[in-house]
């Protein structure tokens, strides 16, 4: 429902200044970077799983299970890094546009 509530607001034509566009991109970059913390927490959990000092009572994950987990973590990490790269690339382009308009 929140998505549908936001859609009309985004479709309205609103004048955007380079500063507004840059601000939006910076916010997006911060959000993208924050999302990396989720992947970091997953790697921390994985580290605890393979820690040699782990409790002998717990069942240790098998090699294929760890491999599958790492594959998923790496996939999520790569997607988040690509999102950050895209956003920072857009910030760079916007800054170049601002610099050209200032001349």
PDB file of N, CA and C in Angstrom:
ATOM      1  N   UNK A   1       0.818  -1.190   0.000  1.00  0.00           N
ATOM      2  CA  UNK A   1       0.000   0.000   0.000  1.00  0.00           C
ATOM      3  C   UNK A   1       0.863   1.255   0.000  1.00  0.00           C
ATOM      4  N   UNK A   2       1.951   1.223   0.737  1.00  0.00           N
ATOM      5  CA  UNK A   2       2.836   2.393   0.777  1.00  0.00           C
ATOM      6  C   UNK A   2       3.397   2.687  -0.603  1.00  0.00           C
ATOM      7  N   UNK A   3       3.680   1.654  -1.374  1.00  0.00           N
ATOM      8  CA  UNK A   3       4.200   1.847  -2.728  1.00  0.00           C
ATOM      9  C   UNK A   3       3.187   2.610  -3.573  1.00  0.00           C
ATOM     10  N   UNK A   4       1.908   2.202  -3.501  1.00  0.00           N
ATOM     11  CA  UNK A   4       0.888   2.858  -4.302  1.00  0.00           C
ATOM     12  C   UNK A   4       0.644   4.283  -3.822  1.00  0.00           C
ATOM     13  N   UNK A   5       0.839   4.522  -2.528  1.00  0.00           N
ATOM     14  CA  UNK A   5       0.684   5.877  -2.009  1.00  0.00           C
ATOM     15  C   UNK A   5       1.779   6.799  -2.529  1.00  0.00           C
ATOM     16  N   UNK A   6       2.970   6.250  -2.706  1.00  0.00           N
ATOM     17  CA  UNK A   6       4.090   7.062  -3.156  1.00  0.00           C
ATOM     18  C   UNK A   6       4.064   7.314  -4.655  1.00  0.00           C
ATOM     19  N   UNK A   7       3.529   6.398  -5.421  1.00  0.00           N
ATOM     20  CA  UNK A   7       3.579   6.501  -6.874  1.00  0.00           C
ATOM     21  C   UNK A   7       2.984   7.802  -7.411  1.00  0.00           C
ATOM     22  N   UNK A   8       1.781   8.222  -6.964  1.00  0.00           N
ATOM     23  CA  UNK A   8       1.241   9.474  -7.500  1.00  0.00           C
ATOM     24  C   UNK A   8       2.108  10.675  -7.180  1.00  0.00           C
ATOM     25  N   UNK A   9       2.705  10.696  -5.999  1.00  0.00           N
ATOM     26  CA  UNK A   9       3.549  11.833  -5.631  1.00  0.00           C
ATOM     27  C   UNK A   9       4.771  11.911  -6.530  1.00  0.00           C
ATOM     28  N   UNK A  10       5.315  10.759  -6.887  1.00  0.00           N
ATOM     29  CA  UNK A  10       6.500  10.751  -7.744  1.00  0.00           C
ATOM     30  C   UNK A  10       6.143  11.111  -9.181  1.00  0.00           C
ATOM     31  N   UNK A  11       4.918  10.801  -9.613  1.00  0.00           N
ATOM     32  CA  UNK A  11       4.554  11.059 -10.989  1.00  0.00           C
ATOM     33  C   UNK A  11       4.186  12.522 -11.219  1.00  0.00           C
ATOM     34  N   UNK A  12       3.913  13.267 -10.143  1.00  0.00           N
ATOM     35  CA  UNK A  12       3.624  14.687 -10.288  1.00  0.00           C
ATOM     36  C   UNK A  12       4.867  15.405 -10.786  1.00  0.00           C
ATOM     37  N   UNK A  13       4.623  16.370 -11.623  1.00  0.00           N
ATOM     38  CA  UNK A  13       5.742  17.146 -12.128  1.00  0.00           C
ATOM     39  C   UNK A  13       6.108  18.185 -11.090  1.00  0.00           C
ATOM     40  N   UNK A  14       7.326  18.068 -10.603  1.00  0.00           N
ATOM     41  CA  UNK A  14       7.789  19.059  -9.644  1.00  0.00           C
ATOM     42  C   UNK A  14       9.119  19.591 -10.156  1.00  0.00           C
ATOM     43  N   UNK A  15       9.308  20.864 -10.045  1.00  0.00           N
ATOM     44  CA  UNK A  15      10.583  21.414 -10.503  1.00  0.00           C
ATOM     45  C   UNK A  15      11.718  20.894  -9.618  1.00  0.00           C
ATOM     46  N   UNK A  16      12.745  20.409 -10.260  1.00  0.00           N
ATOM     47  CA  UNK A  16      13.890  19.925  -9.491  1.00  0.00           C
ATOM     48  C   UNK A  16      15.107  20.763  -9.843  1.00  0.00           C
ATOM     49  N   UNK A  17      15.785  21.140  -8.817  1.00  0.00           N
ATOM     50  CA  UNK A  17      17.023  21.881  -9.011  1.00  0.00           C
ATOM     51  C   UNK A  17      18.172  20.890  -8.926  1.00  0.00           C
ATOM     52  N   UNK A  18      19.328  21.258  -9.431  1.00  0.00           N
ATOM     53  CA  UNK A  18      20.484  20.366  -9.283  1.00  0.00           C
ATOM     54  C   UNK A  18      20.774  20.048  -7.819  1.00  0.00           C
ATOM     55  N   UNK A  19      20.564  21.009  -6.940  1.00  0.00           N
ATOM     56  CA  UNK A  19      20.817  20.774  -5.515  1.00  0.00           C
ATOM     57  C   UNK A  19      19.846  19.734  -4.964  1.00  0.00           C
ATOM     58  N   UNK A  20      18.577  19.798  -5.373  1.00  0.00           N
ATOM     59  CA  UNK A  20      17.587  18.814  -4.928  1.00  0.00           C
ATOM     60  C   UNK A  20      17.944  17.437  -5.444  1.00  0.00           C
ATOM     61  N   UNK A  21      18.333  17.369  -6.701  1.00  0.00           N
ATOM     62  CA  UNK A  21      18.723  16.088  -7.297  1.00  0.00           C
ATOM     63  C   UNK A  21      19.941  15.506  -6.571  1.00  0.00           C
ATOM     64  N   UNK A  22      20.919  16.343  -6.299  1.00  0.00           N
ATOM     65  CA  UNK A  22      22.105  15.889  -5.569  1.00  0.00           C
ATOM     66  C   UNK A  22      21.746  15.421  -4.173  1.00  0.00           C
ATOM     67  N   UNK A  23      20.876  16.144  -3.497  1.00  0.00           N
ATOM     68  CA  UNK A  23      20.453  15.767  -2.160  1.00  0.00           C
ATOM     69  C   UNK A  23      19.771  14.397  -2.191  1.00  0.00           C
ATOM     70  N   UNK A  24      18.887  14.180  -3.166  1.00  0.00           N
ATOM     71  CA  UNK A  24      18.207  12.893  -3.298  1.00  0.00           C
ATOM     72  C   UNK A  24      19.209  11.770  -3.550  1.00  0.00           C
ATOM     73  N   UNK A  25      20.205  12.040  -4.372  1.00  0.00           N
ATOM     74  CA  UNK A  25      21.211  11.020  -4.677  1.00  0.00           C
ATOM     75  C   UNK A  25      22.084  10.705  -3.465  1.00  0.00           C
ATOM     76  N   UNK A  26      22.421  11.716  -2.709  1.00  0.00           N
ATOM     77  CA  UNK A  26      23.225  11.503  -1.505  1.00  0.00           C
ATOM     78  C   UNK A  26      22.442  10.671  -0.495  1.00  0.00           C
ATOM     79  N   UNK A  27      21.171  10.976  -0.344  1.00  0.00           N
ATOM     80  CA  UNK A  27      20.325  10.181   0.559  1.00  0.00           C
ATOM     81  C   UNK A  27      20.279   8.737   0.090  1.00  0.00           C
ATOM     82  N   UNK A  28      20.121   8.519  -1.218  1.00  0.00           N
ATOM     83  CA  UNK A  28      20.094   7.163  -1.765  1.00  0.00           C
ATOM     84  C   UNK A  28      21.416   6.452  -1.508  1.00  0.00           C
ATOM     85  N   UNK A  29      22.533   7.143  -1.696  1.00  0.00           N
ATOM     86  CA  UNK A  29      23.842   6.526  -1.450  1.00  0.00           C
ATOM     87  C   UNK A  29      23.990   6.118   0.012  1.00  0.00           C
ATOM     88  N   UNK A  30      23.515   6.962   0.908  1.00  0.00           N
ATOM     89  CA  UNK A  30      23.571   6.616   2.334  1.00  0.00           C
ATOM     90  C   UNK A  30      22.703   5.403   2.635  1.00  0.00           C
ATOM     91  N   UNK A  31      21.521   5.354   2.049  1.00  0.00           N
ATOM     92  CA  UNK A  31      20.643   4.191   2.231  1.00  0.00           C
ATOM     93  C   UNK A  31      21.295   2.925   1.686  1.00  0.00           C
ATOM     94  N   UNK A  32      21.930   3.047   0.523  1.00  0.00           N
ATOM     95  CA  UNK A  32      22.606   1.887  -0.079  1.00  0.00           C
ATOM     96  C   UNK A  32      23.742   1.402   0.814  1.00  0.00           C
ATOM     97  N   UNK A  33      24.509   2.334   1.349  1.00  0.00           N
ATOM     98  CA  UNK A  33      25.611   1.955   2.235  1.00  0.00           C
ATOM     99  C   UNK A  33      25.084   1.310   3.508  1.00  0.00           C
ATOM    100  N   UNK A  34      23.992   1.851   4.037  1.00  0.00           N
ATOM    101  CA  UNK A  34      23.397   1.258   5.233  1.00  0.00           C
ATOM    102  C   UNK A  34      22.957  -0.172   4.989  1.00  0.00           C
ATOM    103  N   UNK A  35      22.508  -0.464   3.779  1.00  0.00           N
ATOM    104  CA  UNK A  35      22.051  -1.823   3.479  1.00  0.00           C
ATOM    105  C   UNK A  35      23.202  -2.829   3.514  1.00  0.00           C
ATOM    106  N   UNK A  36      24.413  -2.349   3.358  1.00  0.00           N
ATOM    107  CA  UNK A  36      25.576  -3.242   3.453  1.00  0.00           C
ATOM    108  C   UNK A  36      25.739  -3.798   4.864  1.00  0.00           C
ATOM    109  N   UNK A  37      25.227  -3.087   5.849  1.00  0.00           N
ATOM    110  CA  UNK A  37      25.323  -3.585   7.216  1.00  0.00           C
ATOM    111  C   UNK A  37      24.597  -4.915   7.381  1.00  0.00           C
ATOM    112  N   UNK A  38      23.501  -5.105   6.674  1.00  0.00           N
ATOM    113  CA  UNK A  38      22.783  -6.376   6.727  1.00  0.00           C
ATOM    114  C   UNK A  38      23.648  -7.527   6.250  1.00  0.00           C
ATOM    115  N   UNK A  39      24.393  -7.291   5.184  1.00  0.00           N
ATOM    116  CA  UNK A  39      25.290  -8.323   4.677  1.00  0.00           C
ATOM    117  C   UNK A  39      26.426  -8.554   5.663  1.00  0.00           C
ATOM    118  N   UNK A  40      26.912  -7.478   6.258  1.00  0.00           N
ATOM    119  CA  UNK A  40      27.981  -7.619   7.239  1.00  0.00           C
ATOM    120  C   UNK A  40      27.527  -8.452   8.429  1.00  0.00           C
ATOM    121  N   UNK A  41      26.298  -8.243   8.869  1.00  0.00           N
ATOM    122  CA  UNK A  41      25.762  -9.030   9.984  1.00  0.00           C
ATOM    123  C   UNK A  41      25.668 -10.505   9.594  1.00  0.00           C
ATOM    124  N   UNK A  42      25.317 -10.768   8.355  1.00  0.00           N
ATOM    125  CA  UNK A  42      25.237 -12.157   7.887  1.00  0.00           C
ATOM    126  C   UNK A  42      26.630 -12.793   7.891  1.00  0.00           C
ATOM    127  N   UNK A  43      27.633 -12.051   7.454  1.00  0.00           N
ATOM    128  CA  UNK A  43      29.000 -12.583   7.490  1.00  0.00           C
ATOM    129  C   UNK A  43      29.463 -12.813   8.929  1.00  0.00           C
ATOM    130  N   UNK A  44      29.052 -11.945   9.831  1.00  0.00           N
ATOM    131  CA  UNK A  44      29.389 -12.138  11.244  1.00  0.00           C
ATOM    132  C   UNK A  44      28.763 -13.419  11.772  1.00  0.00           C
ATOM    133  N   UNK A  45      27.514 -13.674  11.383  1.00  0.00           N
ATOM    134  CA  UNK A  45      26.849 -14.917  11.790  1.00  0.00           C
ATOM    135  C   UNK A  45      27.579 -16.125  11.219  1.00  0.00           C
ATOM    136  N   UNK A  46      28.014 -16.006   9.971  1.00  0.00           N
ATOM    137  CA  UNK A  46      28.764 -17.101   9.343  1.00  0.00           C
ATOM    138  C   UNK A  46      30.088 -17.330  10.069  1.00  0.00           C
ATOM    139  N   UNK A  47      30.735 -16.265  10.439  1.00  0.00           N
ATOM    140  CA  UNK A  47      31.992 -16.373  11.185  1.00  0.00           C
ATOM    141  C   UNK A  47      31.776 -17.147  12.479  1.00  0.00           C
ATOM    142  N   UNK A  48      30.677 -16.856  13.163  1.00  0.00           N
ATOM    143  CA  UNK A  48      30.372 -17.570  14.403  1.00  0.00           C
ATOM    144  C   UNK A  48      30.087 -19.044  14.146  1.00  0.00           C
ATOM    145  N   UNK A  49      29.468 -19.344  13.002  1.00  0.00           N
ATOM    146  CA  UNK A  49      29.179 -20.736  12.658  1.00  0.00           C
ATOM    147  C   UNK A  49      30.454 -21.558  12.481  1.00  0.00           C
ATOM    148  N   UNK A  50      31.451 -20.953  11.865  1.00  0.00           N
ATOM    149  CA  UNK A  50      32.662 -21.712  11.562  1.00  0.00           C
ATOM    150  C   UNK A  50      33.754 -21.520  12.601  1.00  0.00           C
ATOM    151  N   UNK A  51      33.467 -20.756  13.637  1.00  0.00           N
ATOM    152  CA  UNK A  51      34.430 -20.536  14.710  1.00  0.00           C
ATOM    153  C   UNK A  51      34.799 -21.878  15.347  1.00  0.00           C
ATOM    154  N   UNK A  52      36.078 -22.129  15.456  1.00  0.00           N
ATOM    155  CA  UNK A  52      36.528 -23.404  16.023  1.00  0.00           C
ATOM    156  C   UNK A  52      36.207 -23.538  17.493  1.00  0.00           C
ATOM    157  N   UNK A  53      35.933 -22.452  18.148  1.00  0.00           N
ATOM    158  CA  UNK A  53      35.604 -22.497  19.565  1.00  0.00           C
ATOM    159  C   UNK A  53      34.108 -22.652  19.812  1.00  0.00           C
ATOM    160  N   UNK A  54      33.337 -22.950  18.763  1.00  0.00           N
ATOM    161  CA  UNK A  54      31.888 -23.085  18.918  1.00  0.00           C
ATOM    162  C   UNK A  54      31.552 -24.268  19.804  1.00  0.00           C
ATOM    163  N   UNK A  55      30.369 -24.238  20.348  1.00  0.00           N
ATOM    164  CA  UNK A  55      29.905 -25.281  21.257  1.00  0.00           C
ATOM    165  C   UNK A  55      29.898 -26.645  20.573  1.00  0.00           C
ATOM    166  N   UNK A  56      30.369 -27.669  21.280  1.00  0.00           N
ATOM    167  CA  UNK A  56      30.385 -29.026  20.738  1.00  0.00           C
ATOM    168  C   UNK A  56      28.976 -29.601  20.662  1.00  0.00           C
ATOM    169  N   UNK A  57      28.032 -28.993  21.362  1.00  0.00           N
ATOM    170  CA  UNK A  57      26.653 -29.477  21.349  1.00  0.00           C
ATOM    171  C   UNK A  57      25.934 -29.159  20.048  1.00  0.00           C
ATOM    172  N   UNK A  58      26.364 -28.120  19.373  1.00  0.00           N
ATOM    173  CA  UNK A  58      25.660 -27.710  18.158  1.00  0.00           C
ATOM    174  C   UNK A  58      26.172 -28.484  16.947  1.00  0.00           C
ATOM    175  N   UNK A  59      25.262 -28.692  16.005  1.00  0.00           N
ATOM    176  CA  UNK A  59      25.618 -29.397  14.771  1.00  0.00           C
ATOM    177  C   UNK A  59      26.363 -28.431  13.862  1.00  0.00           C
ATOM    178  N   UNK A  60      27.491 -28.853  13.360  1.00  0.00           N
ATOM    179  CA  UNK A  60      28.279 -28.000  12.478  1.00  0.00           C
ATOM    180  C   UNK A  60      27.725 -28.063  11.061  1.00  0.00           C
ATOM    181  N   UNK A  61      27.710 -26.934  10.362  1.00  0.00           N
ATOM    182  CA  UNK A  61      27.208 -26.934   8.985  1.00  0.00           C
ATOM    183  C   UNK A  61      28.170 -27.690   8.069  1.00  0.00           C
ATOM    184  N   UNK A  62      27.599 -28.298   7.036  1.00  0.00           N
ATOM    185  CA  UNK A  62      28.417 -29.036   6.081  1.00  0.00           C
ATOM    186  C   UNK A  62      29.044 -28.073   5.074  1.00  0.00           C
ATOM    187  N   UNK A  63      30.020 -28.562   4.346  1.00  0.00           N
ATOM    188  CA  UNK A  63      30.677 -27.757   3.318  1.00  0.00           C
ATOM    189  C   UNK A  63      29.697 -27.215   2.288  1.00  0.00           C
ATOM    190  N   UNK A  64      28.811 -28.073   1.742  1.00  0.00           N
ATOM    191  CA  UNK A  64      27.843 -27.563   0.760  1.00  0.00           C
ATOM    192  C   UNK A  64      26.889 -26.515   1.348  1.00  0.00           C
ATOM    193  N   UNK A  65      26.525 -26.677   2.613  1.00  0.00           N
ATOM    194  CA  UNK A  65      25.650 -25.681   3.247  1.00  0.00           C
ATOM    195  C   UNK A  65      26.366 -24.343   3.380  1.00  0.00           C
ATOM    196  N   UNK A  66      27.619 -24.389   3.819  1.00  0.00           N
ATOM    197  CA  UNK A  66      28.399 -23.151   3.940  1.00  0.00           C
ATOM    198  C   UNK A  66      28.617 -22.512   2.571  1.00  0.00           C
ATOM    199  N   UNK A  67      28.877 -23.340   1.569  1.00  0.00           N
ATOM    200  CA  UNK A  67      29.078 -22.824   0.220  1.00  0.00           C
ATOM    201  C   UNK A  67      27.818 -22.128  -0.290  1.00  0.00           C
ATOM    202  N   UNK A  68      26.658 -22.733  -0.047  1.00  0.00           N
ATOM    203  CA  UNK A  68      25.400 -22.127  -0.474  1.00  0.00           C
ATOM    204  C   UNK A  68      25.166 -20.804   0.256  1.00  0.00           C
ATOM    205  N   UNK A  69      25.462 -20.788   1.535  1.00  0.00           N
ATOM    206  CA  UNK A  69      25.300 -19.567   2.325  1.00  0.00           C
ATOM    207  C   UNK A  69      26.222 -18.468   1.815  1.00  0.00           C
ATOM    208  N   UNK A  70      27.463 -18.807   1.566  1.00  0.00           N
ATOM    209  CA  UNK A  70      28.403 -17.814   1.040  1.00  0.00           C
ATOM    210  C   UNK A  70      27.972 -17.307  -0.332  1.00  0.00           C
ATOM    211  N   UNK A  71      27.454 -18.211  -1.149  1.00  0.00           N
ATOM    212  CA  UNK A  71      26.974 -17.801  -2.473  1.00  0.00           C
ATOM    213  C   UNK A  71      25.864 -16.764  -2.373  1.00  0.00           C
ATOM    214  N   UNK A  72      24.917 -17.003  -1.470  1.00  0.00           N
ATOM    215  CA  UNK A  72      23.821 -16.043  -1.274  1.00  0.00           C
ATOM    216  C   UNK A  72      24.330 -14.714  -0.718  1.00  0.00           C
ATOM    217  N   UNK A  73      25.231 -14.800   0.251  1.00  0.00           N
ATOM    218  CA  UNK A  73      25.784 -13.575   0.832  1.00  0.00           C
ATOM    219  C   UNK A  73      26.538 -12.763  -0.222  1.00  0.00           C
ATOM    220  N   UNK A  74      27.340 -13.431  -1.021  1.00  0.00           N
ATOM    221  CA  UNK A  74      28.105 -12.733  -2.054  1.00  0.00           C
ATOM    222  C   UNK A  74      27.196 -12.111  -3.103  1.00  0.00           C
ATOM    223  N   UNK A  75      26.108 -12.800  -3.446  1.00  0.00           N
ATOM    224  CA  UNK A  75      25.146 -12.271  -4.411  1.00  0.00           C
ATOM    225  C   UNK A  75      24.499 -10.994  -3.875  1.00  0.00           C
ATOM    226  N   UNK A  76      24.079 -11.019  -2.618  1.00  0.00           N
ATOM    227  CA  UNK A  76      23.469  -9.837  -1.998  1.00  0.00           C
ATOM    228  C   UNK A  76      24.484  -8.699  -1.876  1.00  0.00           C
ATOM    229  N   UNK A  77      25.689  -9.036  -1.493  1.00  0.00           N
ATOM    230  CA  UNK A  77      26.735  -8.033  -1.357  1.00  0.00           C
ATOM    231  C   UNK A  77      27.021  -7.365  -2.699  1.00  0.00           C
ATOM    232  N   UNK A  78      27.126  -8.168  -3.759  1.00  0.00           N
ATOM    233  CA  UNK A  78      27.403  -7.615  -5.084  1.00  0.00           C
ATOM    234  C   UNK A  78      26.264  -6.691  -5.543  1.00  0.00           C
ATOM    235  N   UNK A  79      25.023  -7.085  -5.283  1.00  0.00           N
ATOM    236  CA  UNK A  79      23.886  -6.247  -5.672  1.00  0.00           C
ATOM    237  C   UNK A  79      23.931  -4.904  -4.944  1.00  0.00           C
ATOM    238  N   UNK A  80      24.288  -4.933  -3.676  1.00  0.00           N
ATOM    239  CA  UNK A  80      24.345  -3.689  -2.910  1.00  0.00           C
ATOM    240  C   UNK A  80      25.508  -2.810  -3.357  1.00  0.00           C
ATOM    241  N   UNK A  81      26.628  -3.416  -3.659  1.00  0.00           N
ATOM    242  CA  UNK A  81      27.775  -2.644  -4.157  1.00  0.00           C
ATOM    243  C   UNK A  81      27.439  -2.013  -5.503  1.00  0.00           C
ATOM    244  N   UNK A  82      26.770  -2.757  -6.383  1.00  0.00           N
ATOM    245  CA  UNK A  82      26.373  -2.208  -7.682  1.00  0.00           C
ATOM    246  C   UNK A  82      25.402  -1.041  -7.515  1.00  0.00           C
ATOM    247  N   UNK A  83      24.494  -1.146  -6.539  1.00  0.00           N
ATOM    248  CA  UNK A  83      23.560  -0.040  -6.277  1.00  0.00           C
ATOM    249  C   UNK A  83      24.307   1.204  -5.814  1.00  0.00           C
ATOM    250  N   UNK A  84      25.282   1.022  -4.949  1.00  0.00           N
ATOM    251  CA  UNK A  84      26.076   2.164  -4.474  1.00  0.00           C
ATOM    252  C   UNK A  84      26.875   2.767  -5.621  1.00  0.00           C
ATOM    253  N   UNK A  85      27.462   1.931  -6.460  1.00  0.00           N
ATOM    254  CA  UNK A  85      28.214   2.436  -7.610  1.00  0.00           C
ATOM    255  C   UNK A  85      27.310   3.223  -8.554  1.00  0.00           C
ATOM    256  N   UNK A  86      26.107   2.727  -8.804  1.00  0.00           N
ATOM    257  CA  UNK A  86      25.179   3.434  -9.687  1.00  0.00           C
ATOM    258  C   UNK A  86      24.790   4.787  -9.099  1.00  0.00           C
ATOM    259  N   UNK A  87      24.520   4.804  -7.818  1.00  0.00           N
ATOM    260  CA  UNK A  87      24.120   6.061  -7.174  1.00  0.00           C
ATOM    261  C   UNK A  87      25.262   7.061  -7.153  1.00  0.00           C
ATOM    262  N   UNK A  88      26.451   6.619  -6.803  1.00  0.00           N
ATOM    263  CA  UNK A  88      27.575   7.557  -6.770  1.00  0.00           C
ATOM    264  C   UNK A  88      27.944   8.016  -8.183  1.00  0.00           C
ATOM    265  N   UNK A  89      27.747   7.165  -9.173  1.00  0.00           N
ATOM    266  CA  UNK A  89      27.954   7.585 -10.568  1.00  0.00           C
ATOM    267  C   UNK A  89      26.968   8.676 -10.953  1.00  0.00           C
ATOM    268  N   UNK A  90      25.727   8.538 -10.503  1.00  0.00           N
ATOM    269  CA  UNK A  90      24.723   9.563 -10.770  1.00  0.00           C
ATOM    270  C   UNK A  90      25.059  10.862 -10.049  1.00  0.00           C
ATOM    271  N   UNK A  91      25.595  10.753  -8.840  1.00  0.00           N
ATOM    272  CA  UNK A  91      26.028  11.952  -8.111  1.00  0.00           C
ATOM    273  C   UNK A  91      27.142  12.648  -8.887  1.00  0.00           C
ATOM    274  N   UNK A  92      28.089  11.881  -9.378  1.00  0.00           N
ATOM    275  CA  UNK A  92      29.188  12.459 -10.168  1.00  0.00           C
ATOM    276  C   UNK A  92      28.658  13.174 -11.399  1.00  0.00           C
ATOM    277  N   UNK A  93      27.731  12.533 -12.110  1.00  0.00           N
ATOM    278  CA  UNK A  93      27.163  13.147 -13.309  1.00  0.00           C
ATOM    279  C   UNK A  93      26.418  14.427 -12.961  1.00  0.00           C
ATOM    280  N   UNK A  94      25.678  14.398 -11.865  1.00  0.00           N
ATOM    281  CA  UNK A  94      24.942  15.587 -11.440  1.00  0.00           C
ATOM    282  C   UNK A  94      25.898  16.710 -11.053  1.00  0.00           C
ATOM    283  N   UNK A  95      26.974  16.361 -10.389  1.00  0.00           N
ATOM    284  CA  UNK A  95      27.972  17.383 -10.026  1.00  0.00           C
ATOM    285  C   UNK A  95      28.608  17.999 -11.266  1.00  0.00           C
ATOM    286  N   UNK A  96      28.882  17.158 -12.271  1.00  0.00           N
ATOM    287  CA  UNK A  96      29.415  17.706 -13.523  1.00  0.00           C
ATOM    288  C   UNK A  96      28.418  18.650 -14.161  1.00  0.00           C
ATOM    289  N   UNK A  97      27.119  18.303 -14.100  1.00  0.00           N
ATOM    290  CA  UNK A  97      26.084  19.179 -14.636  1.00  0.00           C
ATOM    291  C   UNK A  97      25.998  20.492 -13.910  1.00  0.00           C
ATOM    292  N   UNK A  98      26.125  20.437 -12.600  1.00  0.00           N
ATOM    293  CA  UNK A  98      26.114  21.651 -11.786  1.00  0.00           C
ATOM    294  C   UNK A  98      27.309  22.523 -12.149  1.00  0.00           C
ATOM    295  N   UNK A  99      28.470  21.888 -12.312  1.00  0.00           N
ATOM    296  CA  UNK A  99      29.677  22.647 -12.646  1.00  0.00           C
ATOM    297  C   UNK A  99      29.543  23.310 -14.017  1.00  0.00           C
ATOM    298  N   UNK A 100      28.918  22.615 -14.972  1.00  0.00           N
ATOM    299  CA  UNK A 100      28.728  23.189 -16.300  1.00  0.00           C
ATOM    300  C   UNK A 100      27.754  24.354 -16.276  1.00  0.00           C
ATOM    301  N   UNK A 101      26.701  24.251 -15.463  1.00  0.00           N
ATOM    302  CA  UNK A 101      25.713  25.324 -15.375  1.00  0.00           C
ATOM    303  C   UNK A 101      26.274  26.537 -14.641  1.00  0.00           C
ATOM    304  N   UNK A 102      27.254  26.322 -13.787  1.00  0.00           N
ATOM    305  CA  UNK A 102      27.827  27.423 -13.015  1.00  0.00           C
ATOM    306  C   UNK A 102      28.742  28.292 -13.864  1.00  0.00           C
ATOM    307  N   UNK A 103      29.181  27.760 -14.970  1.00  0.00           N
ATOM    308  CA  UNK A 103      30.111  28.530 -15.816  1.00  0.00           C
ATOM    309  C   UNK A 103      29.424  29.622 -16.574  1.00  0.00           C
TER     310      UNK A 103
END
